[in-house]
């Protein structure tokens, strides 16, 4: 059994944004349907243990809310603060637990992280994802994707070595080239970042697909199921957006499971 759980579904600022009095942020402060911590995914796999994809500044709170005390490894998509802000806290937890945490990322991302936090290798083992690795029955590969004005990020694809089932995580991307799109074909599940419904700003100032663009993308690559994450305060989850049946917005605590590589209803 492999279970994916969304610990955080928000963009770089999270929701509510501290300075903002928009309706979505006000709702997030009261009822909390739209309250969103920074994006992170927990992968609980019977064969390989607990894995986090990204470890942002909400790491400690996310672990507490999920009832987690430890994880076996962390995979990092890129070295922006909203994706690595909790690594120091995780490393300190590893120190107290007298164990080495296992940190996986493409080498260029590992170099950025170690440059900022040169002491982390005391508590963490660094593993390059450039050649991929196996996590239980899942073969994990990564590739660089456009992150617009914010440079680059990496996406991850997981292929089950027995069933051939594949899913991918691509939280921070926009204007992907045909080459960058290739690993997104043939997916059972795509988790894709979409910060706005229809972002009104010039393309050269943007960094993540909006929902309308993402839906056009899905019509091309045709994953069987898609979940949108990395949501800003532009998206109100109390609204009905009339998404296709196979597409939904991520919510904190939402799960999606595979049994021996076969997807189960979430």
C-alpha atoms as a PDB file:
ATOM      1  CA  UNK A   1       0.000   0.000   0.000  1.00  0.00           C
ATOM      2  CA  UNK A   2       1.205   3.497  -0.884  1.00  0.00           C
ATOM      3  CA  UNK A   3      -0.794   6.421   0.499  1.00  0.00           C
ATOM      4  CA  UNK A   4      -0.306  10.043  -0.563  1.00  0.00           C
ATOM      5  CA  UNK A   5      -1.490  12.700   1.920  1.00  0.00           C
ATOM      6  CA  UNK A   6      -1.491  16.451   1.297  1.00  0.00           C
ATOM      7  CA  UNK A   7       0.072  18.115   4.355  1.00  0.00           C
ATOM      8  CA  UNK A   8       0.133  21.529   2.703  1.00  0.00           C
ATOM      9  CA  UNK A   9      -1.528  22.879  -0.439  1.00  0.00           C
ATOM     10  CA  UNK A  10      -0.662  26.580  -0.409  1.00  0.00           C
ATOM     11  CA  UNK A  11       1.621  28.763  -2.479  1.00  0.00           C
ATOM     12  CA  UNK A  12       4.740  30.549  -1.202  1.00  0.00           C
ATOM     13  CA  UNK A  13       2.786  32.854   1.143  1.00  0.00           C
ATOM     14  CA  UNK A  14       0.201  30.344   2.327  1.00  0.00           C
ATOM     15  CA  UNK A  15      -3.400  31.278   3.078  1.00  0.00           C
ATOM     16  CA  UNK A  16      -4.328  33.564   4.765  1.00  0.00           C
ATOM     17  CA  UNK A  17      -1.691  36.056   3.727  1.00  0.00           C
ATOM     18  CA  UNK A  18      -0.944  38.118   6.832  1.00  0.00           C
ATOM     19  CA  UNK A  19      -1.405  41.487   5.090  1.00  0.00           C
ATOM     20  CA  UNK A  20      -4.535  40.577   3.123  1.00  0.00           C
ATOM     21  CA  UNK A  21      -8.221  41.259   3.881  1.00  0.00           C
ATOM     22  CA  UNK A  22      -9.675  39.579   0.777  1.00  0.00           C
ATOM     23  CA  UNK A  23     -12.680  37.297   1.206  1.00  0.00           C
ATOM     24  CA  UNK A  24     -10.645  34.105   0.894  1.00  0.00           C
ATOM     25  CA  UNK A  25      -8.107  35.196   3.519  1.00  0.00           C
ATOM     26  CA  UNK A  26     -10.899  36.365   5.856  1.00  0.00           C
ATOM     27  CA  UNK A  27     -12.664  33.022   5.451  1.00  0.00           C
ATOM     28  CA  UNK A  28      -9.402  31.207   6.149  1.00  0.00           C
ATOM     29  CA  UNK A  29      -9.084  33.116   9.422  1.00  0.00           C
ATOM     30  CA  UNK A  30     -12.603  32.173  10.529  1.00  0.00           C
ATOM     31  CA  UNK A  31     -14.045  28.876   9.259  1.00  0.00           C
ATOM     32  CA  UNK A  32     -10.795  27.796   7.657  1.00  0.00           C
ATOM     33  CA  UNK A  33     -11.975  26.001   4.499  1.00  0.00           C
ATOM     34  CA  UNK A  34      -9.315  27.982   2.633  1.00  0.00           C
ATOM     35  CA  UNK A  35      -6.581  27.810   5.293  1.00  0.00           C
ATOM     36  CA  UNK A  36      -3.524  26.411   3.515  1.00  0.00           C
ATOM     37  CA  UNK A  37      -0.006  25.698   4.715  1.00  0.00           C
ATOM     38  CA  UNK A  38       2.860  25.662   2.223  1.00  0.00           C
ATOM     39  CA  UNK A  39       2.822  22.761  -0.255  1.00  0.00           C
ATOM     40  CA  UNK A  40       4.108  19.401   0.980  1.00  0.00           C
ATOM     41  CA  UNK A  41       3.134  15.792   0.251  1.00  0.00           C
ATOM     42  CA  UNK A  42       3.511  12.826   2.607  1.00  0.00           C
ATOM     43  CA  UNK A  43       4.130   9.489   0.874  1.00  0.00           C
ATOM     44  CA  UNK A  44       3.545   6.559   3.206  1.00  0.00           C
ATOM     45  CA  UNK A  45       4.768   3.374   1.555  1.00  0.00           C
ATOM     46  CA  UNK A  46       4.697  -0.061   3.169  1.00  0.00           C
ATOM     47  CA  UNK A  47       7.994  -1.058   1.541  1.00  0.00           C
ATOM     48  CA  UNK A  48      10.004   2.125   2.090  1.00  0.00           C
ATOM     49  CA  UNK A  49       8.481   4.027   5.012  1.00  0.00           C
ATOM     50  CA  UNK A  50       7.610   7.714   5.241  1.00  0.00           C
ATOM     51  CA  UNK A  51       8.726  10.281   2.675  1.00  0.00           C
ATOM     52  CA  UNK A  52       8.029  14.003   2.368  1.00  0.00           C
ATOM     53  CA  UNK A  53       8.102  15.866  -0.903  1.00  0.00           C
ATOM     54  CA  UNK A  54       9.375  19.308   0.094  1.00  0.00           C
ATOM     55  CA  UNK A  55       9.997  20.548   3.610  1.00  0.00           C
ATOM     56  CA  UNK A  56       8.828  24.135   3.901  1.00  0.00           C
ATOM     57  CA  UNK A  57       8.593  26.502   6.874  1.00  0.00           C
ATOM     58  CA  UNK A  58       5.354  24.857   8.067  1.00  0.00           C
ATOM     59  CA  UNK A  59       7.148  21.499   8.535  1.00  0.00           C
ATOM     60  CA  UNK A  60       6.714  21.264  12.316  1.00  0.00           C
ATOM     61  CA  UNK A  61       3.048  22.200  12.282  1.00  0.00           C
ATOM     62  CA  UNK A  62       2.323  19.843   9.392  1.00  0.00           C
ATOM     63  CA  UNK A  63       4.001  16.948  11.201  1.00  0.00           C
ATOM     64  CA  UNK A  64       1.971  17.618  14.337  1.00  0.00           C
ATOM     65  CA  UNK A  65      -1.322  17.921  12.455  1.00  0.00           C
ATOM     66  CA  UNK A  66      -0.597  14.644  10.632  1.00  0.00           C
ATOM     67  CA  UNK A  67       0.432  12.827  13.814  1.00  0.00           C
ATOM     68  CA  UNK A  68       3.928  12.202  12.427  1.00  0.00           C
ATOM     69  CA  UNK A  69       7.026  12.143  14.635  1.00  0.00           C
ATOM     70  CA  UNK A  70       9.631  11.201  12.061  1.00  0.00           C
ATOM     71  CA  UNK A  71      10.148  10.549   8.342  1.00  0.00           C
ATOM     72  CA  UNK A  72      12.646   8.306   6.571  1.00  0.00           C
ATOM     73  CA  UNK A  73      13.530  10.734   3.795  1.00  0.00           C
ATOM     74  CA  UNK A  74      12.734  14.076   2.181  1.00  0.00           C
ATOM     75  CA  UNK A  75      12.679  14.829  -1.573  1.00  0.00           C
ATOM     76  CA  UNK A  76      13.183  18.474  -2.580  1.00  0.00           C
ATOM     77  CA  UNK A  77      11.860  19.996  -5.815  1.00  0.00           C
ATOM     78  CA  UNK A  78      13.904  23.222  -5.619  1.00  0.00           C
ATOM     79  CA  UNK A  79      15.673  25.437  -3.115  1.00  0.00           C
ATOM     80  CA  UNK A  80      13.095  28.210  -2.625  1.00  0.00           C
ATOM     81  CA  UNK A  81      12.262  29.024   0.990  1.00  0.00           C
ATOM     82  CA  UNK A  82       8.678  27.756   0.830  1.00  0.00           C
ATOM     83  CA  UNK A  83      10.072  24.334  -0.136  1.00  0.00           C
ATOM     84  CA  UNK A  84      13.172  24.083   2.100  1.00  0.00           C
ATOM     85  CA  UNK A  85      12.392  26.371   5.062  1.00  0.00           C
ATOM     86  CA  UNK A  86      11.856  23.402   7.391  1.00  0.00           C
ATOM     87  CA  UNK A  87      15.021  21.462   6.572  1.00  0.00           C
ATOM     88  CA  UNK A  88      16.983  22.951   9.470  1.00  0.00           C
ATOM     89  CA  UNK A  89      14.188  21.961  11.865  1.00  0.00           C
ATOM     90  CA  UNK A  90      14.113  18.433  10.417  1.00  0.00           C
ATOM     91  CA  UNK A  91      17.904  18.170  10.699  1.00  0.00           C
ATOM     92  CA  UNK A  92      17.743  19.261  14.334  1.00  0.00           C
ATOM     93  CA  UNK A  93      15.077  16.608  15.001  1.00  0.00           C
ATOM     94  CA  UNK A  94      17.374  14.012  13.412  1.00  0.00           C
ATOM     95  CA  UNK A  95      20.183  15.163  15.727  1.00  0.00           C
ATOM     96  CA  UNK A  96      18.003  14.681  18.786  1.00  0.00           C
ATOM     97  CA  UNK A  97      16.901  11.279  17.506  1.00  0.00           C
ATOM     98  CA  UNK A  98      20.573  10.355  16.985  1.00  0.00           C
ATOM     99  CA  UNK A  99      20.001   9.373  13.358  1.00  0.00           C
ATOM    100  CA  UNK A 100      20.917  10.643   9.917  1.00  0.00           C
ATOM    101  CA  UNK A 101      18.065  11.968   7.808  1.00  0.00           C
ATOM    102  CA  UNK A 102      18.092  11.066   4.110  1.00  0.00           C
ATOM    103  CA  UNK A 103      17.780  14.089   1.819  1.00  0.00           C
ATOM    104  CA  UNK A 104      17.214  13.550  -1.917  1.00  0.00           C
ATOM    105  CA  UNK A 105      17.311  16.193  -4.653  1.00  0.00           C
ATOM    106  CA  UNK A 106      18.972  16.851  -8.004  1.00  0.00           C
ATOM    107  CA  UNK A 107      22.633  17.743  -7.455  1.00  0.00           C
ATOM    108  CA  UNK A 108      22.181  21.395  -8.385  1.00  0.00           C
ATOM    109  CA  UNK A 109      19.533  21.698  -5.639  1.00  0.00           C
ATOM    110  CA  UNK A 110      21.715  19.866  -3.087  1.00  0.00           C
ATOM    111  CA  UNK A 111      24.523  22.301  -3.881  1.00  0.00           C
ATOM    112  CA  UNK A 112      22.237  25.275  -3.231  1.00  0.00           C
ATOM    113  CA  UNK A 113      21.034  23.820   0.059  1.00  0.00           C
ATOM    114  CA  UNK A 114      24.507  22.929   1.334  1.00  0.00           C
ATOM    115  CA  UNK A 115      25.769  26.375   0.303  1.00  0.00           C
ATOM    116  CA  UNK A 116      23.171  28.044   2.527  1.00  0.00           C
ATOM    117  CA  UNK A 117      23.346  25.536   5.371  1.00  0.00           C
ATOM    118  CA  UNK A 118      26.864  24.020   5.307  1.00  0.00           C
ATOM    119  CA  UNK A 119      26.386  22.285   8.662  1.00  0.00           C
ATOM    120  CA  UNK A 120      23.438  20.130   7.556  1.00  0.00           C
ATOM    121  CA  UNK A 121      25.676  17.191   6.622  1.00  0.00           C
ATOM    122  CA  UNK A 122      26.211  16.605  10.347  1.00  0.00           C
ATOM    123  CA  UNK A 123      22.597  15.405  10.582  1.00  0.00           C
ATOM    124  CA  UNK A 124      21.599  14.638   6.995  1.00  0.00           C
ATOM    125  CA  UNK A 125      22.957  12.375   4.261  1.00  0.00           C
ATOM    126  CA  UNK A 126      22.711  14.031   0.826  1.00  0.00           C
ATOM    127  CA  UNK A 127      21.685  11.872  -2.171  1.00  0.00           C
ATOM    128  CA  UNK A 128      21.704  13.107  -5.766  1.00  0.00           C
ATOM    129  CA  UNK A 129      18.572  12.343  -7.779  1.00  0.00           C
ATOM    130  CA  UNK A 130      20.343  12.912 -11.085  1.00  0.00           C
ATOM    131  CA  UNK A 131      20.351   9.182 -11.824  1.00  0.00           C
ATOM    132  CA  UNK A 132      17.079   8.430 -10.009  1.00  0.00           C
ATOM    133  CA  UNK A 133      16.587   5.888  -7.240  1.00  0.00           C
ATOM    134  CA  UNK A 134      14.139   3.236  -6.039  1.00  0.00           C
ATOM    135  CA  UNK A 135      11.740   3.916  -3.181  1.00  0.00           C
ATOM    136  CA  UNK A 136      10.247   0.511  -2.465  1.00  0.00           C
ATOM    137  CA  UNK A 137       8.646  -0.611  -5.728  1.00  0.00           C
ATOM    138  CA  UNK A 138       8.622   2.932  -7.127  1.00  0.00           C
ATOM    139  CA  UNK A 139      11.380   4.106  -9.454  1.00  0.00           C
ATOM    140  CA  UNK A 140      11.805   7.859  -8.863  1.00  0.00           C
ATOM    141  CA  UNK A 141      13.139  10.117 -11.613  1.00  0.00           C
ATOM    142  CA  UNK A 142      13.429  13.895 -11.756  1.00  0.00           C
ATOM    143  CA  UNK A 143      13.753  16.467 -14.518  1.00  0.00           C
ATOM    144  CA  UNK A 144      14.128  20.214 -14.673  1.00  0.00           C
ATOM    145  CA  UNK A 145      11.064  22.318 -15.530  1.00  0.00           C
ATOM    146  CA  UNK A 146      10.524  26.012 -16.229  1.00  0.00           C
ATOM    147  CA  UNK A 147       9.553  28.012 -13.143  1.00  0.00           C
ATOM    148  CA  UNK A 148       9.030  31.268 -15.049  1.00  0.00           C
ATOM    149  CA  UNK A 149      10.463  34.399 -13.424  1.00  0.00           C
ATOM    150  CA  UNK A 150      11.620  32.228 -10.512  1.00  0.00           C
ATOM    151  CA  UNK A 151      14.064  30.243 -12.647  1.00  0.00           C
ATOM    152  CA  UNK A 152      13.758  26.484 -12.461  1.00  0.00           C
ATOM    153  CA  UNK A 153      12.242  23.718 -10.399  1.00  0.00           C
ATOM    154  CA  UNK A 154      12.209  19.931 -10.702  1.00  0.00           C
ATOM    155  CA  UNK A 155       9.313  17.537 -11.150  1.00  0.00           C
ATOM    156  CA  UNK A 156       9.263  13.920  -9.962  1.00  0.00           C
ATOM    157  CA  UNK A 157       7.850  10.865 -11.706  1.00  0.00           C
ATOM    158  CA  UNK A 158       7.150   7.597  -9.857  1.00  0.00           C
ATOM    159  CA  UNK A 159       6.918   4.364 -11.883  1.00  0.00           C
ATOM    160  CA  UNK A 160       5.857   1.113 -10.203  1.00  0.00           C
ATOM    161  CA  UNK A 161       8.281  -1.644 -11.171  1.00  0.00           C
ATOM    162  CA  UNK A 162       5.629  -4.396 -11.139  1.00  0.00           C
ATOM    163  CA  UNK A 163       2.468  -2.841 -12.557  1.00  0.00           C
ATOM    164  CA  UNK A 164       3.872   0.005 -14.667  1.00  0.00           C
ATOM    165  CA  UNK A 165       1.538   2.475 -12.944  1.00  0.00           C
ATOM    166  CA  UNK A 166       2.973   5.993 -12.932  1.00  0.00           C
ATOM    167  CA  UNK A 167       2.227   9.239 -11.103  1.00  0.00           C
ATOM    168  CA  UNK A 168       4.018  12.596 -11.017  1.00  0.00           C
ATOM    169  CA  UNK A 169       4.451  15.632  -8.779  1.00  0.00           C
ATOM    170  CA  UNK A 170       5.028  18.987 -10.506  1.00  0.00           C
ATOM    171  CA  UNK A 171       4.264  21.788  -8.061  1.00  0.00           C
ATOM    172  CA  UNK A 172       6.107  24.797  -9.506  1.00  0.00           C
ATOM    173  CA  UNK A 173       6.078  25.053 -13.300  1.00  0.00           C
ATOM    174  CA  UNK A 174       4.834  27.123 -16.210  1.00  0.00           C
ATOM    175  CA  UNK A 175       5.270  27.167 -20.003  1.00  0.00           C
ATOM    176  CA  UNK A 176       6.749  23.686 -20.138  1.00  0.00           C
ATOM    177  CA  UNK A 177       8.566  22.778 -23.342  1.00  0.00           C
ATOM    178  CA  UNK A 178       7.601  19.652 -25.270  1.00  0.00           C
ATOM    179  CA  UNK A 179      10.702  17.938 -23.902  1.00  0.00           C
ATOM    180  CA  UNK A 180       9.722  18.833 -20.333  1.00  0.00           C
ATOM    181  CA  UNK A 181       6.200  17.555 -20.961  1.00  0.00           C
ATOM    182  CA  UNK A 182       7.283  14.094 -22.105  1.00  0.00           C
ATOM    183  CA  UNK A 183       7.525  12.515 -18.608  1.00  0.00           C
ATOM    184  CA  UNK A 184       3.963  13.716 -17.882  1.00  0.00           C
ATOM    185  CA  UNK A 185       2.390  11.416 -20.462  1.00  0.00           C
ATOM    186  CA  UNK A 186       0.903   8.060 -19.474  1.00  0.00           C
ATOM    187  CA  UNK A 187       0.122   9.016 -15.875  1.00  0.00           C
ATOM    188  CA  UNK A 188      -2.488   7.548 -13.566  1.00  0.00           C
ATOM    189  CA  UNK A 189      -2.191  10.661 -11.385  1.00  0.00           C
ATOM    190  CA  UNK A 190      -0.715  14.125 -11.901  1.00  0.00           C
ATOM    191  CA  UNK A 191      -0.284  16.525  -8.988  1.00  0.00           C
ATOM    192  CA  UNK A 192       0.190  19.957 -10.550  1.00  0.00           C
ATOM    193  CA  UNK A 193       0.692  23.442  -9.134  1.00  0.00           C
ATOM    194  CA  UNK A 194      -1.947  26.089 -10.029  1.00  0.00           C
ATOM    195  CA  UNK A 195      -1.766  29.301  -7.991  1.00  0.00           C
ATOM    196  CA  UNK A 196      -4.594  31.337  -9.597  1.00  0.00           C
ATOM    197  CA  UNK A 197      -7.752  30.517 -11.540  1.00  0.00           C
ATOM    198  CA  UNK A 198      -6.937  33.062 -14.276  1.00  0.00           C
ATOM    199  CA  UNK A 199      -3.760  34.966 -13.452  1.00  0.00           C
ATOM    200  CA  UNK A 200      -4.023  38.552 -14.797  1.00  0.00           C
ATOM    201  CA  UNK A 201      -0.315  39.402 -14.863  1.00  0.00           C
ATOM    202  CA  UNK A 202       2.079  39.365 -17.861  1.00  0.00           C
ATOM    203  CA  UNK A 203       3.527  35.916 -18.560  1.00  0.00           C
ATOM    204  CA  UNK A 204       7.106  37.170 -18.010  1.00  0.00           C
ATOM    205  CA  UNK A 205       6.225  38.066 -14.396  1.00  0.00           C
ATOM    206  CA  UNK A 206       4.662  34.700 -13.547  1.00  0.00           C
ATOM    207  CA  UNK A 207       6.002  31.402 -12.213  1.00  0.00           C
ATOM    208  CA  UNK A 208       3.173  28.804 -11.983  1.00  0.00           C
ATOM    209  CA  UNK A 209       0.352  27.677 -14.281  1.00  0.00           C
ATOM    210  CA  UNK A 210      -3.114  29.049 -13.588  1.00  0.00           C
ATOM    211  CA  UNK A 211      -6.123  26.728 -13.609  1.00  0.00           C
ATOM    212  CA  UNK A 212      -7.276  27.640 -17.113  1.00  0.00           C
ATOM    213  CA  UNK A 213      -3.826  26.918 -18.525  1.00  0.00           C
ATOM    214  CA  UNK A 214      -3.558  23.718 -16.530  1.00  0.00           C
ATOM    215  CA  UNK A 215      -6.840  22.439 -17.936  1.00  0.00           C
ATOM    216  CA  UNK A 216      -5.554  23.068 -21.451  1.00  0.00           C
ATOM    217  CA  UNK A 217      -2.383  21.182 -20.547  1.00  0.00           C
ATOM    218  CA  UNK A 218      -4.392  18.233 -19.204  1.00  0.00           C
ATOM    219  CA  UNK A 219      -6.296  17.998 -22.472  1.00  0.00           C
ATOM    220  CA  UNK A 220      -2.948  17.310 -24.157  1.00  0.00           C
ATOM    221  CA  UNK A 221      -1.180  14.952 -21.716  1.00  0.00           C
ATOM    222  CA  UNK A 222      -4.434  13.311 -20.475  1.00  0.00           C
ATOM    223  CA  UNK A 223      -3.604  11.888 -17.028  1.00  0.00           C
ATOM    224  CA  UNK A 224      -6.435   9.758 -15.658  1.00  0.00           C
ATOM    225  CA  UNK A 225      -6.692  11.870 -12.492  1.00  0.00           C
ATOM    226  CA  UNK A 226      -5.311  15.318 -11.676  1.00  0.00           C
ATOM    227  CA  UNK A 227      -5.055  17.183  -8.382  1.00  0.00           C
ATOM    228  CA  UNK A 228      -4.195  20.896  -8.286  1.00  0.00           C
ATOM    229  CA  UNK A 229      -2.010  22.101  -5.403  1.00  0.00           C
ATOM    230  CA  UNK A 230       0.147  25.183  -4.580  1.00  0.00           C
ATOM    231  CA  UNK A 231      -3.049  27.266  -4.365  1.00  0.00           C
ATOM    232  CA  UNK A 232      -2.982  31.007  -3.669  1.00  0.00           C
ATOM    233  CA  UNK A 233      -5.641  33.176  -2.014  1.00  0.00           C
ATOM    234  CA  UNK A 234      -7.188  33.690  -5.453  1.00  0.00           C
ATOM    235  CA  UNK A 235      -8.806  30.249  -5.238  1.00  0.00           C
ATOM    236  CA  UNK A 236     -11.865  29.867  -3.017  1.00  0.00           C
ATOM    237  CA  UNK A 237     -12.577  26.224  -2.198  1.00  0.00           C
ATOM    238  CA  UNK A 238     -16.106  27.088  -1.082  1.00  0.00           C
ATOM    239  CA  UNK A 239     -16.898  27.955  -4.719  1.00  0.00           C
ATOM    240  CA  UNK A 240     -17.878  25.585  -7.513  1.00  0.00           C
ATOM    241  CA  UNK A 241     -15.417  25.909 -10.404  1.00  0.00           C
ATOM    242  CA  UNK A 242     -17.024  23.221 -12.581  1.00  0.00           C
ATOM    243  CA  UNK A 243     -13.817  21.280 -13.055  1.00  0.00           C
ATOM    244  CA  UNK A 244     -13.884  18.063 -15.085  1.00  0.00           C
ATOM    245  CA  UNK A 245     -14.850  14.997 -13.067  1.00  0.00           C
ATOM    246  CA  UNK A 246     -11.280  13.679 -13.069  1.00  0.00           C
ATOM    247  CA  UNK A 247      -9.802  16.964 -11.735  1.00  0.00           C
ATOM    248  CA  UNK A 248      -9.978  18.343  -8.203  1.00  0.00           C
ATOM    249  CA  UNK A 249      -8.302  20.842  -5.900  1.00  0.00           C
ATOM    250  CA  UNK A 250      -6.095  19.505  -3.115  1.00  0.00           C
ATOM    251  CA  UNK A 251      -7.284  19.986   0.447  1.00  0.00           C
ATOM    252  CA  UNK A 252      -5.281  19.512   3.615  1.00  0.00           C
ATOM    253  CA  UNK A 253      -5.483  15.880   4.688  1.00  0.00           C
ATOM    254  CA  UNK A 254      -6.758  14.631   1.320  1.00  0.00           C
ATOM    255  CA  UNK A 255      -5.388  11.181   0.463  1.00  0.00           C
ATOM    256  CA  UNK A 256      -4.864   9.145  -2.688  1.00  0.00           C
ATOM    257  CA  UNK A 257      -3.782   5.523  -2.398  1.00  0.00           C
ATOM    258  CA  UNK A 258      -2.260   2.763  -4.502  1.00  0.00           C
ATOM    259  CA  UNK A 259      -2.565  -0.913  -3.583  1.00  0.00           C
ATOM    260  CA  UNK A 260       0.342  -2.805  -5.126  1.00  0.00           C
ATOM    261  CA  UNK A 261       0.590  -0.047  -7.696  1.00  0.00           C
ATOM    262  CA  UNK A 262      -3.140  -0.034  -8.489  1.00  0.00           C
ATOM    263  CA  UNK A 263      -4.953   3.229  -7.644  1.00  0.00           C
ATOM    264  CA  UNK A 264      -7.773   3.193  -5.131  1.00  0.00           C
ATOM    265  CA  UNK A 265     -10.630   5.723  -4.923  1.00  0.00           C
ATOM    266  CA  UNK A 266      -9.658   8.784  -2.835  1.00  0.00           C
END
